[in-house]
Amino acid sequence: MAIQNFGVTAFSLKAPPRWNVNGDGLDSLIVEMHGAASALSAYLSTLTKYSGHSGDSNMRLSDWDNDNDRQWPTVTLRYIGCRGGFTANRVKPTQDTTLQSASYSQQSGESGVTIDLQYYTGSSHAGAIASSPTSYPTAVTPSQSPQFHSASIRTRNFILGQSNVMSYFTQTTVTTHSSEELVPDVWYRTTTTRTYILIPNA
């Protein structure tokens, strides 16, 4: 026997939307729609992946399913995005320390020196949820400057103590950027990293 539905059969909001605001990434929104089984196919045909939510176009439809109730099915819509729009410093900034290496070599006549240096250095990281893959946040100056760890030293005709090794290198900072697509053509996680490094003196 065919299922018959009487009265209002169109899909409508079943319960208030449920938000989950994620301070370090994308927000999520769950919307439950309720309607007659006879209207289910037509309603599902109106859904388009990554279409905007009617109440906040910054939230995009990521996936959906239904509970297959034979008379009054519920369709659960899941949205992801950035509630209210772009927030520059949404991703918490961090700092860390890593072990890096650098090499110096100079030969002059009968004398020369080769240094393979390892040193601890600081990096700072800033992230954002951005609407462009090139909208990068600004990272602060790293808190940890380069510190000597160890070195392999080879010299000819003079003695070089470890306390003098760092003088053969100059401290500078390098800045790198990266981006990750979270919602195609809509939202990206962008990251800026600043790192202290040592480069060999000319």
C-alpha atoms as a PDB file:
ATOM      1  CA  MET A   1       0.000   0.000   0.000  1.00  0.00           C
ATOM      2  CA  ALA A   2       1.320   3.418  -0.921  1.00  0.00           C
ATOM      3  CA  ILE A   3       2.095   5.733   1.962  1.00  0.00           C
ATOM      4  CA  GLN A   4      -0.322   8.635   2.246  1.00  0.00           C
ATOM      5  CA  ASN A   5       0.404  11.871   4.078  1.00  0.00           C
ATOM      6  CA  PHE A   6      -2.253  14.399   4.940  1.00  0.00           C
ATOM      7  CA  GLY A   7      -2.024  18.045   5.915  1.00  0.00           C
ATOM      8  CA  VAL A   8       1.259  19.959   5.548  1.00  0.00           C
ATOM      9  CA  THR A   9       3.772  17.689   3.826  1.00  0.00           C
ATOM     10  CA  ALA A  10       6.589  20.143   2.928  1.00  0.00           C
ATOM     11  CA  PHE A  11       9.829  19.915   4.858  1.00  0.00           C
ATOM     12  CA  SER A  12      10.265  22.451   7.639  1.00  0.00           C
ATOM     13  CA  LEU A  13      12.494  23.027  10.632  1.00  0.00           C
ATOM     14  CA  LYS A  14      12.028  20.287  13.231  1.00  0.00           C
ATOM     15  CA  ALA A  15      14.067  21.827  16.089  1.00  0.00           C
ATOM     16  CA  PRO A  16      16.264  24.887  16.696  1.00  0.00           C
ATOM     17  CA  PRO A  17      19.615  24.689  14.857  1.00  0.00           C
ATOM     18  CA  ARG A  18      22.518  23.419  16.974  1.00  0.00           C
ATOM     19  CA  TRP A  19      25.788  25.354  16.815  1.00  0.00           C
ATOM     20  CA  ASN A  20      29.269  24.255  17.764  1.00  0.00           C
ATOM     21  CA  VAL A  21      31.676  27.208  17.700  1.00  0.00           C
ATOM     22  CA  ASN A  22      35.259  25.960  17.393  1.00  0.00           C
ATOM     23  CA  GLY A  23      37.778  28.552  18.523  1.00  0.00           C
ATOM     24  CA  ASP A  24      40.668  26.948  16.615  1.00  0.00           C
ATOM     25  CA  GLY A  25      38.971  25.899  13.398  1.00  0.00           C
ATOM     26  CA  LEU A  26      35.715  25.624  11.535  1.00  0.00           C
ATOM     27  CA  ASP A  27      32.368  25.981  13.267  1.00  0.00           C
ATOM     28  CA  SER A  28      29.634  23.435  12.691  1.00  0.00           C
ATOM     29  CA  LEU A  29      25.874  23.743  12.468  1.00  0.00           C
ATOM     30  CA  ILE A  30      23.325  20.920  12.546  1.00  0.00           C
ATOM     31  CA  VAL A  31      19.843  21.554  11.157  1.00  0.00           C
ATOM     32  CA  GLU A  32      17.049  18.971  11.298  1.00  0.00           C
ATOM     33  CA  MET A  33      14.270  19.193   8.711  1.00  0.00           C
ATOM     34  CA  HIS A  34      11.042  17.223   9.035  1.00  0.00           C
ATOM     35  CA  GLY A  35       8.414  16.407   6.422  1.00  0.00           C
ATOM     36  CA  ALA A  36       6.270  13.813   4.716  1.00  0.00           C
ATOM     37  CA  ALA A  37       7.801  10.740   3.098  1.00  0.00           C
ATOM     38  CA  SER A  38       5.991  11.618  -0.126  1.00  0.00           C
ATOM     39  CA  ALA A  39       7.965  14.876  -0.274  1.00  0.00           C
ATOM     40  CA  LEU A  40      11.372  13.407   0.642  1.00  0.00           C
ATOM     41  CA  SER A  41      12.738  12.831  -2.863  1.00  0.00           C
ATOM     42  CA  ALA A  42      11.772  16.305  -4.006  1.00  0.00           C
ATOM     43  CA  TYR A  43      13.348  17.869  -0.924  1.00  0.00           C
ATOM     44  CA  LEU A  44      16.602  15.924  -1.262  1.00  0.00           C
ATOM     45  CA  SER A  45      16.870  17.034  -4.874  1.00  0.00           C
ATOM     46  CA  THR A  46      17.061  20.662  -3.717  1.00  0.00           C
ATOM     47  CA  LEU A  47      20.180  20.063  -1.607  1.00  0.00           C
ATOM     48  CA  THR A  48      23.536  21.102  -3.059  1.00  0.00           C
ATOM     49  CA  LYS A  49      26.867  20.365  -1.409  1.00  0.00           C
ATOM     50  CA  TYR A  50      28.572  23.507  -0.080  1.00  0.00           C
ATOM     51  CA  SER A  51      25.528  25.703  -0.614  1.00  0.00           C
ATOM     52  CA  GLY A  52      25.134  28.431   2.008  1.00  0.00           C
ATOM     53  CA  HIS A  53      22.827  28.289   4.987  1.00  0.00           C
ATOM     54  CA  SER A  54      19.877  30.675   4.678  1.00  0.00           C
ATOM     55  CA  GLY A  55      20.646  32.269   8.057  1.00  0.00           C
ATOM     56  CA  ASP A  56      24.410  32.616   7.600  1.00  0.00           C
ATOM     57  CA  SER A  57      25.980  32.147   4.180  1.00  0.00           C
ATOM     58  CA  ASN A  58      29.366  31.701   5.865  1.00  0.00           C
ATOM     59  CA  MET A  59      28.157  28.211   6.826  1.00  0.00           C
ATOM     60  CA  ARG A  60      28.237  25.698   3.954  1.00  0.00           C
ATOM     61  CA  LEU A  61      26.399  22.395   3.617  1.00  0.00           C
ATOM     62  CA  SER A  62      28.941  19.577   3.956  1.00  0.00           C
ATOM     63  CA  ASP A  63      26.732  16.478   4.087  1.00  0.00           C
ATOM     64  CA  TRP A  64      23.256  15.224   4.985  1.00  0.00           C
ATOM     65  CA  ASP A  65      21.311  12.047   5.692  1.00  0.00           C
ATOM     66  CA  ASN A  66      17.807  10.973   6.648  1.00  0.00           C
ATOM     67  CA  ASP A  67      16.421   8.495   9.174  1.00  0.00           C
ATOM     68  CA  ASN A  68      14.315   6.653   6.556  1.00  0.00           C
ATOM     69  CA  ASP A  69      11.128   6.950   8.580  1.00  0.00           C
ATOM     70  CA  ARG A  70       8.354   5.563   6.360  1.00  0.00           C
ATOM     71  CA  GLN A  71       5.899   8.353   7.103  1.00  0.00           C
ATOM     72  CA  TRP A  72       7.619  11.471   8.512  1.00  0.00           C
ATOM     73  CA  PRO A  73      11.357  11.271   7.857  1.00  0.00           C
ATOM     74  CA  THR A  74      13.882  13.669   9.372  1.00  0.00           C
ATOM     75  CA  VAL A  75      16.729  14.966   7.211  1.00  0.00           C
ATOM     76  CA  THR A  76      19.808  16.081   9.147  1.00  0.00           C
ATOM     77  CA  LEU A  77      21.846  18.805   7.451  1.00  0.00           C
ATOM     78  CA  ARG A  78      25.434  19.425   8.553  1.00  0.00           C
ATOM     79  CA  TYR A  79      27.086  22.747   7.829  1.00  0.00           C
ATOM     80  CA  ILE A  80      30.681  23.839   8.346  1.00  0.00           C
ATOM     81  CA  GLY A  81      32.168  27.299   8.093  1.00  0.00           C
ATOM     82  CA  CYS A  82      33.056  30.382  10.075  1.00  0.00           C
ATOM     83  CA  ARG A  83      30.034  31.736  11.926  1.00  0.00           C
ATOM     84  CA  GLY A  84      29.670  35.425  11.234  1.00  0.00           C
ATOM     85  CA  GLY A  85      32.576  35.533   8.773  1.00  0.00           C
ATOM     86  CA  PHE A  86      36.351  35.909   8.690  1.00  0.00           C
ATOM     87  CA  THR A  87      38.244  36.180  11.974  1.00  0.00           C
ATOM     88  CA  ALA A  88      41.922  37.054  11.529  1.00  0.00           C
ATOM     89  CA  ASN A  89      43.277  35.574  14.753  1.00  0.00           C
ATOM     90  CA  ARG A  90      40.887  32.681  15.126  1.00  0.00           C
ATOM     91  CA  VAL A  91      43.600  30.033  15.419  1.00  0.00           C
ATOM     92  CA  LYS A  92      45.546  30.376  18.665  1.00  0.00           C
ATOM     93  CA  PRO A  93      49.155  31.529  18.083  1.00  0.00           C
ATOM     94  CA  THR A  94      51.895  29.187  19.303  1.00  0.00           C
ATOM     95  CA  GLN A  95      55.652  29.149  19.830  1.00  0.00           C
ATOM     96  CA  ASP A  96      58.079  26.240  19.835  1.00  0.00           C
ATOM     97  CA  THR A  97      61.785  25.401  19.831  1.00  0.00           C
ATOM     98  CA  THR A  98      63.473  23.126  17.318  1.00  0.00           C
ATOM     99  CA  LEU A  99      66.968  21.835  16.599  1.00  0.00           C
ATOM    100  CA  GLN A 100      68.450  23.266  13.394  1.00  0.00           C
ATOM    101  CA  SER A 101      71.778  22.922  11.606  1.00  0.00           C
ATOM    102  CA  ALA A 102      74.073  25.223   9.643  1.00  0.00           C
ATOM    103  CA  SER A 103      77.477  24.859   7.999  1.00  0.00           C
ATOM    104  CA  TYR A 104      80.401  27.223   7.504  1.00  0.00           C
ATOM    105  CA  SER A 105      83.542  26.603   5.466  1.00  0.00           C
ATOM    106  CA  GLN A 106      86.436  28.849   4.515  1.00  0.00           C
ATOM    107  CA  GLN A 107      89.870  27.937   3.214  1.00  0.00           C
ATOM    108  CA  SER A 108      92.674  30.461   2.838  1.00  0.00           C
ATOM    109  CA  GLY A 109      96.193  29.423   1.937  1.00  0.00           C
ATOM    110  CA  GLU A 110      97.537  27.123   4.628  1.00  0.00           C
ATOM    111  CA  SER A 111      94.706  27.783   7.047  1.00  0.00           C
ATOM    112  CA  GLY A 112      91.026  26.956   6.976  1.00  0.00           C
ATOM    113  CA  VAL A 113      88.012  26.084   9.029  1.00  0.00           C
ATOM    114  CA  THR A 114      84.896  23.948   8.506  1.00  0.00           C
ATOM    115  CA  ILE A 115      82.060  24.040  11.037  1.00  0.00           C
ATOM    116  CA  ASP A 116      78.941  21.900  11.121  1.00  0.00           C
ATOM    117  CA  LEU A 117      76.760  23.539  13.763  1.00  0.00           C
ATOM    118  CA  GLN A 118      73.620  22.397  15.507  1.00  0.00           C
ATOM    119  CA  TYR A 119      71.608  24.934  17.468  1.00  0.00           C
ATOM    120  CA  TYR A 120      68.290  25.367  19.211  1.00  0.00           C
ATOM    121  CA  THR A 121      66.072  28.062  17.797  1.00  0.00           C
ATOM    122  CA  GLY A 122      62.565  29.445  18.232  1.00  0.00           C
ATOM    123  CA  SER A 123      59.604  29.629  15.868  1.00  0.00           C
ATOM    124  CA  SER A 124      56.307  31.451  16.176  1.00  0.00           C
ATOM    125  CA  HIS A 125      53.127  30.383  14.403  1.00  0.00           C
ATOM    126  CA  ALA A 126      49.933  32.303  13.685  1.00  0.00           C
ATOM    127  CA  GLY A 127      46.863  30.897  11.976  1.00  0.00           C
ATOM    128  CA  ALA A 128      43.550  32.100  10.626  1.00  0.00           C
ATOM    129  CA  ILE A 129      40.378  30.825   9.055  1.00  0.00           C
ATOM    130  CA  ALA A 130      40.339  32.922   5.906  1.00  0.00           C
ATOM    131  CA  SER A 131      38.186  33.372   2.819  1.00  0.00           C
ATOM    132  CA  SER A 132      41.288  33.556   0.614  1.00  0.00           C
ATOM    133  CA  PRO A 133      44.224  31.127   0.432  1.00  0.00           C
ATOM    134  CA  THR A 134      46.608  34.104   0.516  1.00  0.00           C
ATOM    135  CA  SER A 135      45.108  35.960   3.497  1.00  0.00           C
ATOM    136  CA  TYR A 136      47.906  35.239   5.949  1.00  0.00           C
ATOM    137  CA  PRO A 137      48.007  36.327   9.591  1.00  0.00           C
ATOM    138  CA  THR A 138      51.037  38.054  11.113  1.00  0.00           C
ATOM    139  CA  ALA A 139      53.326  36.001  13.343  1.00  0.00           C
ATOM    140  CA  VAL A 140      55.150  37.671  16.226  1.00  0.00           C
ATOM    141  CA  THR A 141      58.923  37.619  16.722  1.00  0.00           C
ATOM    142  CA  PRO A 142      59.985  34.224  18.133  1.00  0.00           C
ATOM    143  CA  SER A 143      60.759  34.279  21.846  1.00  0.00           C
ATOM    144  CA  GLN A 144      63.771  31.910  21.607  1.00  0.00           C
ATOM    145  CA  SER A 145      66.901  33.177  19.857  1.00  0.00           C
ATOM    146  CA  PRO A 146      69.463  30.670  18.488  1.00  0.00           C
ATOM    147  CA  GLN A 147      71.428  28.853  21.195  1.00  0.00           C
ATOM    148  CA  PHE A 148      74.492  26.650  20.685  1.00  0.00           C
ATOM    149  CA  HIS A 149      73.900  22.893  20.939  1.00  0.00           C
ATOM    150  CA  SER A 150      76.896  21.150  19.379  1.00  0.00           C
ATOM    151  CA  ALA A 151      79.401  21.491  16.575  1.00  0.00           C
ATOM    152  CA  SER A 152      81.847  19.488  14.510  1.00  0.00           C
ATOM    153  CA  ILE A 153      84.922  21.695  13.997  1.00  0.00           C
ATOM    154  CA  ARG A 154      87.788  21.045  11.579  1.00  0.00           C
ATOM    155  CA  THR A 155      90.615  23.574  11.394  1.00  0.00           C
ATOM    156  CA  ARG A 156      94.108  23.887   9.954  1.00  0.00           C
ATOM    157  CA  ASN A 157      96.924  25.782  11.663  1.00  0.00           C
ATOM    158  CA  PHE A 158      94.833  27.332  14.445  1.00  0.00           C
ATOM    159  CA  ILE A 159      92.666  26.339  17.362  1.00  0.00           C
ATOM    160  CA  LEU A 160      88.983  27.276  17.474  1.00  0.00           C
ATOM    161  CA  GLY A 161      87.111  26.962  20.739  1.00  0.00           C
ATOM    162  CA  GLN A 162      83.406  26.185  20.833  1.00  0.00           C
ATOM    163  CA  SER A 163      82.739  29.551  22.491  1.00  0.00           C
ATOM    164  CA  ASN A 164      83.763  31.246  19.225  1.00  0.00           C
ATOM    165  CA  VAL A 165      81.731  29.064  16.881  1.00  0.00           C
ATOM    166  CA  MET A 166      78.601  31.263  16.872  1.00  0.00           C
ATOM    167  CA  SER A 167      80.609  34.268  15.639  1.00  0.00           C
ATOM    168  CA  TYR A 168      80.946  32.576  12.253  1.00  0.00           C
ATOM    169  CA  PHE A 169      77.189  32.858  11.733  1.00  0.00           C
ATOM    170  CA  THR A 170      74.658  35.693  11.484  1.00  0.00           C
ATOM    171  CA  GLN A 171      71.174  35.529  12.975  1.00  0.00           C
ATOM    172  CA  THR A 172      68.160  36.368  10.815  1.00  0.00           C
ATOM    173  CA  THR A 173      64.501  35.423  10.563  1.00  0.00           C
ATOM    174  CA  VAL A 174      62.670  33.635   7.791  1.00  0.00           C
ATOM    175  CA  THR A 175      58.911  33.794   7.225  1.00  0.00           C
ATOM    176  CA  THR A 176      56.946  31.027   5.530  1.00  0.00           C
ATOM    177  CA  HIS A 177      53.275  30.749   4.622  1.00  0.00           C
ATOM    178  CA  SER A 178      50.962  27.829   4.006  1.00  0.00           C
ATOM    179  CA  SER A 179      47.269  27.314   3.368  1.00  0.00           C
ATOM    180  CA  GLU A 180      44.872  24.377   3.565  1.00  0.00           C
ATOM    181  CA  GLU A 181      41.514  24.311   1.806  1.00  0.00           C
ATOM    182  CA  LEU A 182      38.790  23.463   4.320  1.00  0.00           C
ATOM    183  CA  VAL A 183      35.679  24.249   2.266  1.00  0.00           C
ATOM    184  CA  PRO A 184      36.337  24.360  -1.506  1.00  0.00           C
ATOM    185  CA  ASP A 185      36.639  27.948  -2.751  1.00  0.00           C
ATOM    186  CA  VAL A 186      35.138  29.271   0.503  1.00  0.00           C
ATOM    187  CA  TRP A 187      37.254  28.728   3.635  1.00  0.00           C
ATOM    188  CA  TYR A 188      40.955  28.107   4.165  1.00  0.00           C
ATOM    189  CA  ARG A 189      43.204  27.614   7.164  1.00  0.00           C
ATOM    190  CA  THR A 190      46.204  29.887   6.570  1.00  0.00           C
ATOM    191  CA  THR A 191      49.392  29.833   8.607  1.00  0.00           C
ATOM    192  CA  THR A 192      52.406  32.096   9.004  1.00  0.00           C
ATOM    193  CA  THR A 193      55.613  30.844  10.636  1.00  0.00           C
ATOM    194  CA  ARG A 194      58.575  32.994  11.651  1.00  0.00           C
ATOM    195  CA  THR A 195      61.804  31.215  12.584  1.00  0.00           C
ATOM    196  CA  TYR A 196      65.184  32.432  13.771  1.00  0.00           C
ATOM    197  CA  ILE A 197      67.970  30.868  11.726  1.00  0.00           C
ATOM    198  CA  LEU A 198      71.740  31.175  11.500  1.00  0.00           C
ATOM    199  CA  ILE A 199      73.399  31.734   8.141  1.00  0.00           C
ATOM    200  CA  PRO A 200      77.160  31.458   7.568  1.00  0.00           C
ATOM    201  CA  ASN A 201      79.076  34.719   7.289  1.00  0.00           C
ATOM    202  CA  ALA A 202      80.340  35.558   3.838  1.00  0.00           C
END
